Amino acid sequence: MPGPRFLAKRAAQILLVALVVFFACDYAYFRLRLIHPGPASPLETFTAPRLYAISEKGRKVAYEMDALHPEQTLTCAHSLFPHAGYAPCWYLIPESQKPIPM
C-alpha cells in the first residue's frame, strides 16, 4: 500500500498534467477561432470610463473622471487563460469598472 506522501505526489502530478492539457486545449481553440473569424470572435474591444479614487482627510474618498482621457479602450480574449498578450474577458471587464486608486 503506497504511503500518503506518494499519493500526494501522484495527485499533484495528475493535477499538473490536467492543467497543462486544459491550457493547451484552450489555446488551440483560441487560435482556431483567430484563424477562422466568425460571429464568435475570440477578441473583444470595449470602452470603459477612467475613474480615479482620490483619498482625502478623514478616510473619505473622492471620485473623479480623468479630464484628459475620460475613456479607455481595452481588448480582451474570450478564453479561460490569457492568450496573445490579452487578459481574459471574465477578468478584465469587472476590473475595468473599478476606480484607479491615487
C-alpha atoms as a PDB file:
ATOM      1  CA  MET A   1       0.000   0.000   0.000  1.00  0.00           C
ATOM      2  CA  PRO A   2       1.544   3.328  -1.043  1.00  0.00           C
ATOM      3  CA  GLY A   3       2.067   5.945   1.640  1.00  0.00           C
ATOM      4  CA  PRO A   4       0.342   9.328   1.887  1.00  0.00           C
ATOM      5  CA  ARG A   5       3.435  11.118   0.592  1.00  0.00           C
ATOM      6  CA  PHE A   6       3.388   9.042  -2.617  1.00  0.00           C
ATOM      7  CA  LEU A   7      -0.340   9.643  -3.088  1.00  0.00           C
ATOM      8  CA  ALA A   8       0.037  13.391  -2.592  1.00  0.00           C
ATOM      9  CA  LYS A   9       2.900  13.483  -5.096  1.00  0.00           C
ATOM     10  CA  ARG A  10       0.889  11.474  -7.628  1.00  0.00           C
ATOM     11  CA  ALA A  11      -2.163  13.724  -7.163  1.00  0.00           C
ATOM     12  CA  ALA A  12      -0.018  16.823  -7.737  1.00  0.00           C
ATOM     13  CA  GLN A  13       1.412  15.302 -10.924  1.00  0.00           C
ATOM     14  CA  ILE A  14      -2.050  14.414 -12.237  1.00  0.00           C
ATOM     15  CA  LEU A  15      -3.318  17.913 -11.442  1.00  0.00           C
ATOM     16  CA  LEU A  16      -0.360  19.499 -13.237  1.00  0.00           C
ATOM     17  CA  VAL A  17      -0.829  17.334 -16.333  1.00  0.00           C
ATOM     18  CA  ALA A  18      -4.567  18.094 -16.370  1.00  0.00           C
ATOM     19  CA  LEU A  19      -3.867  21.840 -16.118  1.00  0.00           C
ATOM     20  CA  VAL A  20      -1.354  21.710 -18.992  1.00  0.00           C
ATOM     21  CA  VAL A  21      -3.794  19.755 -21.186  1.00  0.00           C
ATOM     22  CA  PHE A  22      -6.615  22.164 -20.324  1.00  0.00           C
ATOM     23  CA  PHE A  23      -4.426  25.185 -21.182  1.00  0.00           C
ATOM     24  CA  ALA A  24      -3.319  23.570 -24.480  1.00  0.00           C
ATOM     25  CA  CYS A  25      -6.933  22.900 -25.490  1.00  0.00           C
ATOM     26  CA  ASP A  26      -7.946  26.459 -24.596  1.00  0.00           C
ATOM     27  CA  TYR A  27      -5.000  27.842 -26.599  1.00  0.00           C
ATOM     28  CA  ALA A  28      -5.778  25.656 -29.637  1.00  0.00           C
ATOM     29  CA  TYR A  29      -9.454  26.691 -29.578  1.00  0.00           C
ATOM     30  CA  PHE A  30      -8.441  30.377 -29.259  1.00  0.00           C
ATOM     31  CA  ARG A  31      -6.029  30.120 -32.217  1.00  0.00           C
ATOM     32  CA  LEU A  32      -8.583  28.252 -34.314  1.00  0.00           C
ATOM     33  CA  ARG A  33     -11.161  30.999 -33.778  1.00  0.00           C
ATOM     34  CA  LEU A  34      -8.479  33.611 -34.533  1.00  0.00           C
ATOM     35  CA  ILE A  35      -7.628  31.962 -37.876  1.00  0.00           C
ATOM     36  CA  HIS A  36     -11.273  31.436 -38.889  1.00  0.00           C
ATOM     37  CA  PRO A  37     -13.115  34.528 -37.637  1.00  0.00           C
ATOM     38  CA  GLY A  38     -16.851  34.348 -37.373  1.00  0.00           C
ATOM     39  CA  PRO A  39     -19.607  35.576 -35.117  1.00  0.00           C
ATOM     40  CA  ALA A  40     -17.770  34.140 -32.095  1.00  0.00           C
ATOM     41  CA  SER A  41     -14.607  36.236 -32.382  1.00  0.00           C
ATOM     42  CA  PRO A  42     -12.009  35.418 -29.734  1.00  0.00           C
ATOM     43  CA  LEU A  43     -11.132  39.097 -29.136  1.00  0.00           C
ATOM     44  CA  GLU A  44     -13.408  41.858 -27.890  1.00  0.00           C
ATOM     45  CA  THR A  45     -12.722  45.579 -27.731  1.00  0.00           C
ATOM     46  CA  PHE A  46     -14.727  47.747 -25.353  1.00  0.00           C
ATOM     47  CA  THR A  47     -14.508  51.174 -23.775  1.00  0.00           C
ATOM     48  CA  ALA A  48     -14.660  51.848 -20.069  1.00  0.00           C
ATOM     49  CA  PRO A  49     -14.607  55.104 -18.125  1.00  0.00           C
ATOM     50  CA  ARG A  50     -11.337  56.024 -16.431  1.00  0.00           C
ATOM     51  CA  LEU A  51     -12.295  56.867 -12.867  1.00  0.00           C
ATOM     52  CA  TYR A  52      -9.857  57.930 -10.149  1.00  0.00           C
ATOM     53  CA  ALA A  53     -10.365  57.306  -6.420  1.00  0.00           C
ATOM     54  CA  ILE A  54      -8.607  60.140  -4.579  1.00  0.00           C
ATOM     55  CA  SER A  55      -8.054  59.755  -0.828  1.00  0.00           C
ATOM     56  CA  GLU A  56      -8.967  62.733   1.319  1.00  0.00           C
ATOM     57  CA  LYS A  57      -8.840  63.598   5.001  1.00  0.00           C
ATOM     58  CA  GLY A  58     -10.952  61.593   7.411  1.00  0.00           C
ATOM     59  CA  ARG A  59     -10.706  58.408   5.343  1.00  0.00           C
ATOM     60  CA  LYS A  60     -13.006  59.862   2.700  1.00  0.00           C
ATOM     61  CA  VAL A  61     -12.642  59.075  -0.956  1.00  0.00           C
ATOM     62  CA  ALA A  62     -13.478  61.423  -3.820  1.00  0.00           C
ATOM     63  CA  TYR A  63     -14.163  60.023  -7.283  1.00  0.00           C
ATOM     64  CA  GLU A  64     -13.225  61.991 -10.388  1.00  0.00           C
ATOM     65  CA  MET A  65     -13.185  61.261 -14.101  1.00  0.00           C
ATOM     66  CA  ASP A  66      -9.869  61.697 -15.898  1.00  0.00           C
ATOM     67  CA  ALA A  67     -10.026  65.099 -17.616  1.00  0.00           C
ATOM     68  CA  LEU A  68      -7.514  64.278 -20.380  1.00  0.00           C
ATOM     69  CA  HIS A  69      -8.634  60.729 -21.211  1.00  0.00           C
ATOM     70  CA  PRO A  70     -12.150  60.108 -19.843  1.00  0.00           C
ATOM     71  CA  GLU A  71     -12.484  56.732 -21.587  1.00  0.00           C
ATOM     72  CA  GLN A  72     -10.075  53.881 -22.100  1.00  0.00           C
ATOM     73  CA  THR A  73     -10.255  51.280 -24.845  1.00  0.00           C
ATOM     74  CA  LEU A  74      -9.422  47.744 -23.751  1.00  0.00           C
ATOM     75  CA  THR A  75      -9.104  44.482 -25.656  1.00  0.00           C
ATOM     76  CA  CYS A  76      -9.753  41.128 -24.025  1.00  0.00           C
ATOM     77  CA  ALA A  77      -9.720  37.483 -25.072  1.00  0.00           C
ATOM     78  CA  HIS A  78     -12.759  35.208 -24.797  1.00  0.00           C
ATOM     79  CA  SER A  79     -10.927  32.333 -23.135  1.00  0.00           C
ATOM     80  CA  LEU A  80     -10.209  30.978 -19.687  1.00  0.00           C
ATOM     81  CA  PHE A  81      -6.498  31.846 -19.740  1.00  0.00           C
ATOM     82  CA  PRO A  82      -4.633  34.904 -21.099  1.00  0.00           C
ATOM     83  CA  HIS A  83      -3.584  34.482 -24.738  1.00  0.00           C
ATOM     84  CA  ALA A  84      -1.707  36.660 -27.264  1.00  0.00           C
ATOM     85  CA  GLY A  85      -0.992  39.248 -24.573  1.00  0.00           C
ATOM     86  CA  TYR A  86      -4.671  39.868 -23.785  1.00  0.00           C
ATOM     87  CA  ALA A  87      -6.299  39.237 -20.430  1.00  0.00           C
ATOM     88  CA  PRO A  88      -9.434  37.072 -20.366  1.00  0.00           C
ATOM     89  CA  CYS A  89     -12.720  38.970 -20.599  1.00  0.00           C
ATOM     90  CA  TRP A  90     -14.117  37.305 -17.461  1.00  0.00           C
ATOM     91  CA  TYR A  91     -11.314  39.063 -15.538  1.00  0.00           C
ATOM     92  CA  LEU A  92     -10.808  42.330 -17.441  1.00  0.00           C
ATOM     93  CA  ILE A  93     -14.409  43.549 -17.724  1.00  0.00           C
ATOM     94  CA  PRO A  94     -15.083  43.621 -13.938  1.00  0.00           C
ATOM     95  CA  GLU A  95     -11.601  45.038 -13.264  1.00  0.00           C
ATOM     96  CA  SER A  96     -12.151  47.882 -15.719  1.00  0.00           C
ATOM     97  CA  GLN A  97     -15.152  49.088 -13.692  1.00  0.00           C
ATOM     98  CA  LYS A  98     -13.063  49.607 -10.545  1.00  0.00           C
ATOM     99  CA  PRO A  99     -11.676  53.093  -9.847  1.00  0.00           C
ATOM    100  CA  ILE A 100      -7.908  53.630 -10.039  1.00  0.00           C
ATOM    101  CA  PRO A 101      -6.563  54.435  -6.540  1.00  0.00           C
ATOM    102  CA  MET A 102      -4.432  57.557  -6.286  1.00  0.00           C
END
